[in-house]
Protein backbone atom coordinates (compact mmCIF):
# COMPACT_ATOMS: atom_id res chain seq x y z
CA MET A 1 72.34 164.05 55.44
CA ALA A 2 68.88 162.47 55.10
CA ASN A 3 70.19 159.17 56.49
CA LYS A 4 71.58 160.95 59.56
CA ARG A 5 68.19 162.60 60.16
CA ILE A 6 66.41 159.24 59.85
CA THR A 7 68.93 157.62 62.23
CA SER A 8 68.49 160.45 64.73
CA LEU A 9 64.71 160.17 64.45
CA ILE A 10 64.87 156.40 65.07
CA ILE A 11 67.06 156.93 68.13
CA ILE A 12 64.61 159.50 69.51
CA VAL A 13 61.60 157.24 68.90
CA VAL A 14 63.31 154.21 70.50
CA SER A 15 64.35 156.33 73.48
CA LEU A 16 60.81 157.59 73.94
CA ILE A 17 59.47 154.02 73.75
CA ILE A 18 61.94 152.89 76.42
CA VAL A 19 61.15 155.83 78.69
CA PHE A 20 57.41 155.35 78.15
CA GLY A 21 57.71 151.63 78.85
CA VAL A 22 59.68 152.17 82.04
CA THR A 23 57.15 154.78 83.17
CA ILE A 24 54.26 152.37 82.60
CA TYR A 25 56.15 149.63 84.45
CA ASN A 26 56.87 151.87 87.41
CA ASN A 27 53.27 153.12 87.50
CA LYS A 28 52.03 149.54 87.55
CA LYS A 29 54.48 148.76 90.32
CA ALA A 30 53.24 151.77 92.26
CA MET A 31 49.66 150.52 91.95
CA GLY A 32 50.65 146.99 92.93
CA ILE A 33 49.36 145.41 89.71
CA ILE A 34 52.61 144.23 88.18
CA THR A 35 52.38 140.68 86.79
CA HIS A 36 53.19 137.89 89.24
CA SER A 37 53.09 134.11 89.19
CA TYR A 38 49.38 133.99 90.08
CA SER A 39 48.58 135.18 86.56
CA GLU A 40 50.14 131.98 85.21
CA PRO A 41 47.94 128.89 84.79
CA LEU A 42 48.43 126.15 87.36
CA VAL A 43 49.80 123.00 85.79
CA GLY A 44 48.39 119.73 87.08
CA ALA A 45 50.88 117.09 88.20
CA LYS A 46 51.29 113.74 86.53
CA LEU A 47 50.38 110.74 88.66
CA GLN A 48 53.22 108.87 90.34
CA SER A 49 52.84 105.21 91.21
CA ASN A 50 55.82 105.13 93.60
CA VAL A 51 54.98 108.06 95.88
CA ALA A 52 55.35 106.14 99.15
CA SER A 53 58.54 104.40 98.03
CA LEU A 54 60.32 107.77 97.75
CA LEU A 55 60.49 108.10 101.56
CA ASN A 56 62.11 105.76 104.06
CA GLU A 57 60.57 104.99 107.44
CA ASP A 58 62.70 107.73 109.08
CA PHE A 59 61.56 110.17 106.34
CA THR A 60 64.96 110.32 104.67
CA VAL A 61 64.49 110.28 100.92
CA THR A 62 65.50 107.44 98.65
CA LYS A 63 68.05 107.90 95.89
CA ASN A 64 65.33 108.09 93.25
CA PHE A 65 63.43 110.91 94.99
CA SER A 66 61.86 113.33 92.50
CA SER A 67 59.11 115.90 92.39
CA HIS A 68 57.09 117.76 89.80
CA LEU A 69 57.29 120.73 92.21
CA PRO A 70 60.47 122.74 92.75
CA ILE A 71 62.75 121.17 95.39
CA VAL A 72 64.24 123.41 98.07
CA ILE A 73 67.35 121.98 99.74
CA ILE A 74 68.42 123.55 103.04
CA ASP A 75 71.77 122.64 104.55
CA THR A 76 72.65 123.95 108.02
CA LYS A 77 75.15 121.16 108.72
CA GLY A 78 72.77 119.50 111.14
CA THR A 79 72.09 122.61 113.28
CA GLU A 80 68.37 123.21 113.54
CA PRO A 81 67.11 126.80 113.93
CA PRO A 82 66.07 127.00 117.60
CA ILE A 83 62.67 127.80 119.04
CA ASN A 84 63.25 131.47 119.81
CA THR A 85 60.11 132.65 121.62
CA VAL A 86 58.30 131.62 124.78
CA PHE A 87 54.71 132.30 125.77
CA ASN A 88 54.37 134.46 128.88
CA GLN A 89 51.11 133.56 130.63
CA GLU A 90 51.17 136.73 132.71
CA THR A 91 51.41 139.09 129.74
CA ASN A 92 49.64 136.70 127.33
CA LEU A 93 52.38 137.44 124.79
CA PHE A 94 55.02 135.51 122.89
CA GLU A 95 58.35 136.93 124.00
CA PRO A 96 61.83 136.42 122.53
CA ILE A 97 64.18 134.21 124.53
CA LYS A 98 66.82 136.50 125.97
CA GLY A 99 70.38 136.04 124.72
CA LEU A 100 69.42 133.57 122.00
CA ASP A 101 70.41 134.17 118.38
CA PRO A 102 67.43 132.82 116.40
CA TYR A 103 69.40 132.53 113.15
CA VAL A 104 71.74 129.76 112.06
CA ASP A 105 74.00 129.81 109.00
CA GLY A 106 73.48 127.54 106.04
CA THR A 107 72.94 127.27 102.32
CA ILE A 108 69.90 126.98 100.10
CA GLN A 109 69.55 125.37 96.69
CA ILE A 110 66.42 125.53 94.56
CA ILE A 111 65.98 122.94 91.85
CA ASP A 112 63.48 123.87 89.19
CA ASN A 113 64.17 122.64 85.66
CA GLY A 114 60.62 122.94 84.36
CA LYS A 115 59.94 119.20 84.47
CA ILE A 116 60.49 116.41 87.00
CA ASN A 117 63.09 117.64 89.48
CA GLN A 118 65.72 115.45 91.12
CA LEU A 119 68.17 116.13 93.93
CA ASP A 120 71.26 115.96 91.74
CA ASP A 121 69.95 118.42 89.13
CA ASN A 122 71.77 121.71 88.73
CA PRO A 123 70.13 124.33 91.00
CA ALA A 124 68.29 127.23 89.38
CA SER A 125 69.27 129.38 92.38
CA GLN A 126 71.62 128.95 95.32
CA SER A 127 72.98 131.12 98.10
CA LYS A 128 74.37 131.23 101.59
CA ILE A 129 71.62 131.95 104.08
CA LYS A 130 70.74 132.91 107.61
CA ILE A 131 67.61 131.01 108.62
CA LYS A 132 65.31 131.06 111.64
CA ARG A 133 61.99 129.63 112.75
CA ARG A 134 59.07 132.03 112.37
CA GLY A 135 55.56 132.30 113.75
CA ASN A 136 53.92 132.75 117.13
CA SER A 137 51.69 129.82 118.08
CA SER A 138 53.28 127.88 115.21
CA MET A 139 56.79 128.37 116.65
CA ASN A 140 56.53 125.06 118.53
CA TYR A 141 54.92 123.07 115.75
CA ALA A 142 56.67 119.88 114.71
CA LYS A 143 56.76 121.12 111.12
CA PRO A 144 58.71 124.39 111.30
CA GLN A 145 58.11 127.52 109.28
CA TYR A 146 61.14 129.52 108.25
CA LEU A 147 62.33 133.02 107.48
CA VAL A 148 65.37 132.97 105.19
CA LYS A 149 67.79 135.80 104.49
CA LEU A 150 70.04 135.34 101.47
CA VAL A 151 73.60 136.54 102.04
CA THR A 152 76.77 136.72 99.98
CA GLN A 153 80.03 135.02 100.93
CA SER A 154 81.01 138.20 102.77
CA GLY A 155 77.65 138.37 104.62
CA GLN A 156 75.98 141.15 102.62
CA ASP A 157 72.37 141.02 101.44
CA ASN A 158 72.07 138.84 98.35
CA GLU A 159 69.01 139.83 96.33
CA LEU A 160 67.89 137.00 94.05
CA SER A 161 64.75 136.23 92.09
CA LEU A 162 63.62 132.81 93.35
CA LEU A 163 61.35 130.75 91.11
CA GLY A 164 60.77 133.82 88.94
CA MET A 165 59.43 135.96 91.76
CA GLY A 166 60.66 139.51 92.39
CA ALA A 167 64.28 139.79 93.50
CA ASP A 168 64.91 140.28 97.22
CA ASN A 169 67.10 138.93 100.00
CA GLU A 170 64.28 137.96 102.38
CA TRP A 171 61.97 134.98 101.83
CA VAL A 172 59.38 133.01 103.75
CA ILE A 173 59.10 129.22 103.66
CA ASN A 174 55.57 128.65 104.93
CA GLY A 175 54.05 125.25 105.65
CA SER A 176 51.19 125.31 108.12
CA MET A 177 50.98 122.25 110.33
CA THR A 178 47.30 122.84 111.04
CA ASP A 179 46.19 123.32 107.42
CA LYS A 180 45.70 119.78 106.16
CA SER A 181 44.58 121.09 102.77
CA MET A 182 47.86 123.01 102.19
CA MET A 183 45.66 125.45 100.26
CA ARG A 184 44.37 128.16 102.57
CA ASN A 185 47.20 130.65 102.11
CA TYR A 186 47.79 129.97 98.43
CA LEU A 187 44.10 130.02 97.50
CA SER A 188 43.54 133.30 99.31
CA TYR A 189 46.65 134.96 97.86
CA ARG A 190 45.89 133.78 94.34
CA VAL A 191 42.36 135.16 94.51
CA ALA A 192 43.34 138.41 96.25
CA SER A 193 46.15 139.10 93.78
CA GLN A 194 43.61 139.73 91.04
CA PHE A 195 42.24 142.88 92.62
CA MET A 196 44.40 143.82 95.64
CA ALA A 197 47.73 145.63 95.63
CA TYR A 198 51.04 144.03 96.53
CA THR A 199 49.69 140.57 97.38
CA PRO A 200 52.76 138.46 98.30
CA ASP A 201 53.83 136.11 95.53
CA THR A 202 54.20 132.43 96.50
CA LYS A 203 54.90 129.10 94.82
CA TYR A 204 54.54 125.52 95.96
CA CYS A 205 57.68 123.50 96.60
CA GLU A 206 58.91 120.47 98.53
CA VAL A 207 61.58 121.04 101.17
CA VAL A 208 64.34 118.63 102.16
CA LEU A 209 67.02 119.12 104.81
CA LYS A 210 70.55 118.08 103.90
CA ASP A 211 73.10 116.90 106.47
CA ASN A 212 76.34 115.13 105.45
CA GLY A 213 74.85 113.93 102.20
CA ILE A 214 71.65 112.61 103.81
CA TYR A 215 68.37 114.24 102.77
CA THR A 216 65.38 114.33 105.13
CA TYR A 217 61.95 115.17 103.76
CA GLN A 218 60.21 118.15 105.41
CA GLY A 219 57.04 118.38 103.36
CA VAL A 220 55.05 120.68 101.09
CA TYR A 221 55.68 124.40 101.62
CA LEU A 222 55.03 127.75 100.02
CA LEU A 223 58.18 129.62 99.10
CA GLY A 224 57.19 133.24 98.91
CA GLU A 225 57.73 136.92 99.42
CA SER A 226 57.64 138.53 102.83
CA VAL A 227 55.77 141.78 103.38
CA LYS A 228 58.33 144.58 103.25
CA GLN A 229 59.08 147.77 101.38
CA GLY A 230 60.80 147.32 98.03
CA LEU A 231 60.47 147.53 94.28
CA ASP A 232 59.10 143.98 94.04
CA ARG A 233 57.27 144.06 97.38
CA VAL A 234 55.31 147.06 98.75
CA ASN A 235 56.55 149.70 96.34
CA ILE A 236 56.36 152.86 98.41
CA SER A 237 59.04 155.52 98.16
CA ASN A 238 62.38 155.10 99.88
CA TYR A 239 62.91 156.66 103.28
CA LYS A 240 64.86 159.92 103.28
CA PRO A 241 65.86 160.93 106.83
CA ALA A 242 66.36 164.57 105.84
CA GLU A 243 62.76 164.93 104.63
CA ASN A 244 59.93 165.99 106.93
CA TYR A 245 57.41 163.71 105.24
CA ASN A 246 58.08 160.11 104.24
CA SER A 247 56.30 156.95 103.30
CA TYR A 248 55.84 154.31 106.00
CA MET A 249 54.41 150.88 106.72
CA VAL A 250 52.99 149.55 110.00
CA ARG A 251 51.58 146.25 111.20
CA ARG A 252 48.88 145.58 113.79
CA ASP A 253 49.80 142.48 115.75
CA ARG A 254 50.80 141.21 119.17
CA TYR A 255 53.22 143.29 121.19
CA ASP A 256 56.79 142.78 119.96
CA GLU A 257 59.61 143.69 122.32
CA GLU A 258 62.13 143.78 119.49
CA ALA A 259 60.15 146.15 117.26
CA ILE A 260 59.33 149.84 117.49
CA MET A 261 55.82 149.90 118.93
CA LEU A 262 53.83 153.05 118.19
CA ASP A 263 52.01 155.06 120.80
CA THR A 264 48.94 156.26 118.91
CA TYR A 265 45.62 157.76 119.98
CA ALA A 266 43.50 154.57 119.76
CA THR A 267 46.09 152.43 121.54
CA THR A 268 46.62 154.94 124.34
CA ASN A 269 42.87 155.30 124.90
CA LYS A 270 42.22 151.55 124.55
CA LEU A 271 39.86 152.09 121.63
CA SER A 272 41.35 149.24 119.58
CA GLU A 273 42.94 145.88 120.26
CA GLY A 274 46.44 144.84 119.31
CA TYR A 275 49.47 147.02 118.82
CA LEU A 276 50.81 148.95 115.88
CA GLY A 277 54.46 148.24 115.17
CA LEU A 278 56.66 150.10 112.71
CA ARG A 279 57.72 147.97 109.73
CA TYR A 280 59.22 150.66 107.50
CA PRO A 281 61.45 152.61 107.86
CA SER A 282 63.70 150.09 109.56
CA LYS A 283 64.33 150.53 113.27
CA TYR A 284 68.03 150.74 112.38
CA SER A 285 67.58 153.83 110.21
CA VAL A 286 64.47 155.63 111.45
CA THR A 287 64.89 158.88 113.38
CA PRO A 288 62.92 159.90 116.50
CA LYS A 289 61.45 162.72 114.43
CA MET A 290 60.11 160.21 111.87
CA ILE A 291 58.60 158.04 114.59
CA GLU A 292 56.84 161.08 116.02
CA TYR A 293 55.54 162.00 112.56
CA ILE A 294 54.09 158.51 112.02
CA GLU A 295 52.48 158.41 115.47
CA ASN A 296 50.91 161.84 114.93
CA ASP A 297 49.76 160.93 111.42
CA ILE A 298 48.03 157.73 112.53
CA SER A 299 46.64 159.41 115.65
CA LYS A 300 45.07 162.08 113.46
CA ILE A 301 43.29 159.35 111.47
CA GLU A 302 42.19 157.51 114.59
CA LYS A 303 40.77 160.69 116.13
CA VAL A 304 38.63 161.08 113.02
CA ILE A 305 37.50 157.44 112.87
CA TYR A 306 36.69 157.26 116.58
CA SER A 307 35.05 160.68 116.77
CA ASN A 308 31.42 160.93 117.86
CA GLN A 309 30.96 164.17 115.95
CA TYR A 310 29.61 163.80 112.44
CA SER A 311 31.53 166.83 111.17
CA ILE A 312 34.78 165.11 112.13
CA PHE A 313 33.96 161.44 111.45
CA SER A 314 32.61 162.21 107.99
CA THR A 315 36.06 163.40 106.86
CA TYR A 316 37.69 159.93 107.14
CA PRO A 317 37.73 159.42 103.33
CA GLU A 318 40.19 162.32 103.16
CA TYR A 319 42.73 160.31 105.14
CA ILE A 320 42.31 156.63 104.20
CA ASP A 321 42.03 154.86 100.88
CA VAL A 322 38.48 153.66 101.40
CA ASP A 323 38.54 151.23 98.47
CA SER A 324 41.50 149.36 99.98
CA PHE A 325 39.60 149.05 103.28
CA VAL A 326 36.53 147.76 101.45
CA ASP A 327 38.51 145.08 99.61
CA TYR A 328 40.47 144.11 102.72
CA PHE A 329 37.22 143.65 104.65
CA LEU A 330 35.65 141.54 101.92
CA ILE A 331 38.57 139.21 101.15
CA ASN A 332 39.05 138.38 104.83
CA GLU A 333 35.34 138.00 105.47
CA PHE A 334 34.90 135.86 102.36
CA PHE A 335 37.50 133.36 103.60
CA ALA A 336 36.44 133.84 107.26
CA ASN A 337 39.95 134.93 108.19
CA TYR A 338 39.23 136.46 111.55
CA ASP A 339 42.80 136.52 112.81
CA ALA A 340 43.30 139.41 110.37
CA GLY A 341 42.25 142.83 111.56
CA ASN A 342 43.88 142.24 114.94
CA ASN A 343 47.01 140.33 113.85
CA SER A 344 49.21 140.29 110.76
CA THR A 345 47.42 143.40 109.49
CA TYR A 346 49.58 145.73 107.42
CA MET A 347 48.95 149.34 106.45
CA TYR A 348 51.12 151.61 104.34
CA LYS A 349 51.19 155.19 103.20
CA ASN A 350 53.15 156.61 100.31
CA THR A 351 54.48 160.14 100.54
CA ALA A 352 51.59 162.62 100.16
CA GLY A 353 49.13 159.72 99.69
CA LYS A 354 46.33 158.30 101.78
CA LEU A 355 46.73 155.42 104.23
CA CYS A 356 46.05 152.06 102.55
CA ILE A 357 45.41 148.76 104.30
CA GLY A 358 47.19 145.62 103.11
CA PRO A 359 48.75 143.57 101.72
CA VAL A 360 46.79 140.54 102.88
CA TRP A 361 48.73 138.03 104.97
CA ASP A 362 48.32 134.75 106.85
CA PHE A 363 45.18 132.71 106.15
CA ASP A 364 46.25 129.59 108.07
CA GLY A 365 43.24 129.78 110.38
CA ALA A 366 40.73 130.75 107.70
CA ILE A 367 37.85 128.69 106.28
CA ASP A 368 36.87 127.04 109.58
CA ASN A 369 40.42 126.17 110.61
CA TYR A 370 40.47 127.95 113.96
CA THR A 371 41.30 125.26 116.50
CA GLU A 372 39.24 126.59 119.42
CA GLU A 373 35.76 126.92 117.94
CA PRO A 374 33.86 126.21 114.72
CA LEU A 375 32.85 128.78 112.15
CA ASP A 376 29.27 129.95 112.05
CA VAL A 377 28.88 130.10 108.27
CA THR A 378 25.68 132.18 108.53
CA SER A 379 27.33 135.06 110.40
CA MET A 380 29.93 137.75 109.77
CA ALA A 381 32.64 138.77 112.22
CA PHE A 382 35.21 140.96 110.52
CA GLN A 383 33.24 144.09 111.41
CA ILE A 384 34.45 143.89 115.03
CA SER A 385 38.09 144.44 113.98
CA PRO A 386 39.85 147.70 114.93
CA TRP A 387 38.85 150.67 112.78
CA PHE A 388 36.31 148.55 110.89
CA ASP A 389 34.12 148.58 114.01
CA ARG A 390 33.74 152.31 113.34
CA LEU A 391 33.68 152.30 109.55
CA ILE A 392 30.66 149.99 109.49
CA THR A 393 28.66 152.60 111.40
CA ASP A 394 28.68 154.62 108.18
CA LYS A 395 25.89 153.66 105.81
CA SER A 396 27.98 154.83 102.87
CA PHE A 397 30.80 152.42 103.78
CA VAL A 398 28.42 149.48 104.11
CA GLN A 399 26.85 150.37 100.76
CA LYS A 400 30.32 150.29 99.24
CA LEU A 401 30.80 146.82 100.74
CA GLU A 402 27.52 145.69 99.19
CA LYS A 403 28.24 147.11 95.76
CA ARG A 404 31.82 145.82 95.67
CA TYR A 405 30.87 142.36 96.92
CA SER A 406 28.17 142.07 94.28
CA LYS A 407 30.75 142.93 91.61
CA LEU A 408 33.41 140.55 92.97
CA ARG A 409 30.89 137.70 93.16
CA ARG A 410 30.38 138.04 89.42
CA GLU A 411 34.13 137.92 88.83
CA TYR A 412 36.98 136.84 91.11
CA LEU A 413 34.83 135.58 93.98
CA SER A 414 32.23 133.77 91.89
CA GLU A 415 31.42 130.25 93.05
CA GLU A 416 32.54 128.78 89.74
CA THR A 417 35.89 130.60 89.88
CA ILE A 418 36.62 129.61 93.48
CA MET A 419 35.65 125.95 93.04
CA ASN A 420 37.69 125.66 89.84
CA THR A 421 40.67 127.28 91.56
CA ILE A 422 40.52 124.78 94.45
CA GLU A 423 40.45 121.90 91.99
CA GLN A 424 43.36 123.36 90.02
CA ILE A 425 45.44 123.75 93.20
CA GLN A 426 44.60 120.22 94.25
CA ALA A 427 45.74 118.89 90.87
CA HIS A 428 48.87 121.06 91.03
CA ILE A 429 49.91 119.70 94.44
CA GLY A 430 49.30 116.23 93.08
CA PRO A 431 51.29 113.34 94.59
CA ALA A 432 53.18 115.72 96.88
CA GLN A 433 50.05 115.67 99.04
CA GLU A 434 50.58 111.99 99.84
CA ARG A 435 54.17 112.60 100.89
CA GLU A 436 53.10 115.54 103.08
CA TRP A 437 50.49 113.44 104.85
CA GLN A 438 52.90 110.51 105.15
CA ARG A 439 55.43 112.83 106.80
CA TRP A 440 53.20 114.69 109.25
CA ASN A 441 49.87 112.90 109.73
CA GLU A 442 51.08 110.74 112.64
CA SER A 443 52.39 113.85 114.43
CA ARG A 444 49.04 115.54 113.91
CA GLU A 445 47.18 112.59 115.36
CA GLN A 446 49.43 112.34 118.42
CA GLN A 447 49.33 116.00 119.47
CA ASN A 448 46.10 117.73 120.45
CA GLN A 449 47.41 121.20 119.60
CA TYR A 450 46.84 120.45 115.90
CA HIS A 451 43.26 119.21 116.41
CA LEU A 452 40.18 121.30 115.69
CA LYS A 453 38.10 121.09 118.83
CA PRO A 454 34.70 119.36 118.41
CA TYR A 455 31.46 121.07 119.35
CA ILE A 456 27.89 120.25 120.26
CA ASP A 457 25.33 121.32 117.68
CA GLU A 458 21.81 122.68 118.26
CA GLU A 459 20.43 119.14 118.51
CA GLY A 460 22.92 118.11 121.18
CA ASP A 461 25.09 115.98 118.94
CA LEU A 462 28.89 116.01 119.28
CA ILE A 463 30.35 117.12 115.96
CA TYR A 464 33.95 116.21 115.18
CA ARG A 465 35.85 118.65 112.98
CA ASN A 466 39.01 116.69 112.17
CA VAL A 467 39.19 115.03 108.78
CA THR A 468 41.14 111.86 108.06
CA GLU A 469 41.35 112.06 104.27
CA PHE A 470 42.58 114.79 101.93
CA GLU A 471 39.43 114.62 99.81
CA GLN A 472 37.37 115.30 102.94
CA GLU A 473 39.39 118.44 103.59
CA THR A 474 38.94 119.80 100.05
CA TYR A 475 35.22 119.02 100.27
CA LYS A 476 35.13 120.95 103.54
CA LEU A 477 36.83 123.96 101.92
CA LYS A 478 34.28 124.04 99.13
CA THR A 479 31.31 123.57 101.45
CA ILE A 480 32.36 126.22 103.97
CA ILE A 481 33.14 128.81 101.27
CA ARG A 482 29.90 128.11 99.42
CA LYS A 483 27.72 128.47 102.50
CA HIS A 484 29.50 131.44 104.01
CA SER A 485 29.79 133.42 100.78
CA ASN A 486 26.06 133.05 100.14
CA ALA A 487 25.27 134.35 103.62
CA ILE A 488 27.29 137.57 103.33
CA PRO A 489 24.80 139.70 101.29
CA GLU A 490 22.02 139.23 103.84
CA ARG A 491 24.38 140.03 106.72
CA LEU A 492 25.44 143.24 104.96
CA LYS A 493 21.79 144.25 104.64
CA ILE A 494 21.31 143.73 108.37
CA MET A 495 24.48 145.66 109.09
CA LYS A 496 23.24 148.58 107.01
CA VAL A 497 20.14 148.90 109.16
CA SER A 498 22.24 149.51 112.27
CA THR A 499 24.36 152.31 110.79
CA ILE A 500 24.25 155.72 112.46
CA TRP A 501 26.02 157.94 109.91
CA GLU A 502 25.85 158.61 106.21
CA THR A 503 28.91 160.41 104.91
CA ASP A 504 28.54 160.16 101.14
CA TRP A 505 25.37 161.95 100.17
CA SER A 506 26.33 161.85 96.52
CA SER A 507 25.25 158.20 96.56
CA ARG A 508 21.72 159.15 97.62
CA THR A 509 20.28 159.96 94.19
CA ASP A 510 16.76 159.87 95.56
CA ILE A 511 17.42 162.75 97.96
CA ILE A 512 19.38 164.68 95.32
CA ILE A 513 16.45 164.39 92.91
CA LEU A 514 14.08 165.65 95.59
CA LEU A 515 16.37 168.61 96.31
CA VAL A 516 16.63 169.47 92.62
CA MET A 517 12.88 169.26 92.25
CA ALA A 518 12.43 171.44 95.31
CA MET A 519 14.88 174.00 93.95
CA PHE A 520 12.86 174.10 90.71
CA PHE A 521 9.28 174.03 92.01
CA ILE A 522 9.58 176.33 95.03
CA PRO A 523 10.50 179.37 92.87
CA MET A 524 7.70 178.39 90.43
CA VAL A 525 5.17 178.36 93.28
CA TYR A 526 6.46 181.70 94.51
CA ILE A 527 6.16 183.23 91.03
CA ALA A 528 2.66 181.82 90.62
CA ARG A 529 1.60 183.42 93.91
CA GLU A 530 3.03 186.76 92.81
């Protein structure tokens, strides 16, 4: 009898441990802090003496091709995913080409055996796929970027964990033609993941295209998660059409004819740039009632943020997760990622929660990599982005930026941490960098669209911005980040002077002390007079 009681007790304890563990896991997922690959140390690559000999003149790979990075093999039987958008100069928008299916069928194999990988190794993952080119201005780049959907033999979604990242059927293969460092996205994601929710997980790889047994080298890419709702992505609750209130996710970007574009207060009244498109629920499942709810919900927030009445504007913390907006501002300003805010800017709201901004996305043009004009490292610019142009009029919000930036500079954004991370990434890419430059450098030199435009400095000298060596590019990254990050505190002080509101009086301890003293001494004076 005693043994049965002990056994029952053990079963109960084990069950409680499992339930407790699952609860903790789900809570971490809900907060976006579940462990991802960025928490793992970056392993430096071993030197290879035969890097150039691994590629032929036509960029097909030799039989002894190998890589310390995972190898991604894409086989579409020689059919390249087509360019599927065209730029309309009248509307100034990228528009889908009518009647064109952007996807082609194929297969993907990922070789990752934990050491030097070769083409004939057994794949760690493989699947049928539907693959298309992705991007806007990058759609026409010589080095394509891809969106891949994993499918089963029967064409259903095939959710797999690739390279140890969270299981899903949708993946991005991102290799920016204009980022000679190959670091901007990965560096920013790796840093952001330490304090920002749901940062997309990515890993370096080398991509080859297979056609009738011939392998053509495509270069260094990031294989990573797309931004979408899901347990291992943005973990907001599932959409339930019968419910009046649901979670949702939107993205501010260019107008997209194929998406559900939202008609909200700020857009209608031309108070903000860009367009808000619905990302979740899917356009295939969302109801008109849900669309109306989302438009009204966001419009309510925008009416508060863009109000000129203090009694209304001061309530914005009741509707948005202010901390997420503070961190989003700082990470994009730190890396001078000024395409964010207007484009590729996600926001999500869980059922009965506040609206959060994020996850971060797309740092290709960051750290002085905008082709049209150079970065002024002494200035700030993210404050002109939609919504933020209003939030920075609140002294309390700017003070939060100051306090948070000071804390981050002692931790995740410290100069030592950032410089060490750049060096670790550089060592991790290793000899793959030489193959990438061998594959694409001539194309970069021949086409002006990949060139950073020169400028004339204050002394009248013509300053060229293009680098010709990889070490120059990494030096540039370090220099730009060092100078710009040191300039931010002073710019925040200047910004604070121009504020017109102060919504959080609890932060003004000096005034609170004066009020308390007044409440104490005024009665004392009155009593003394009596």
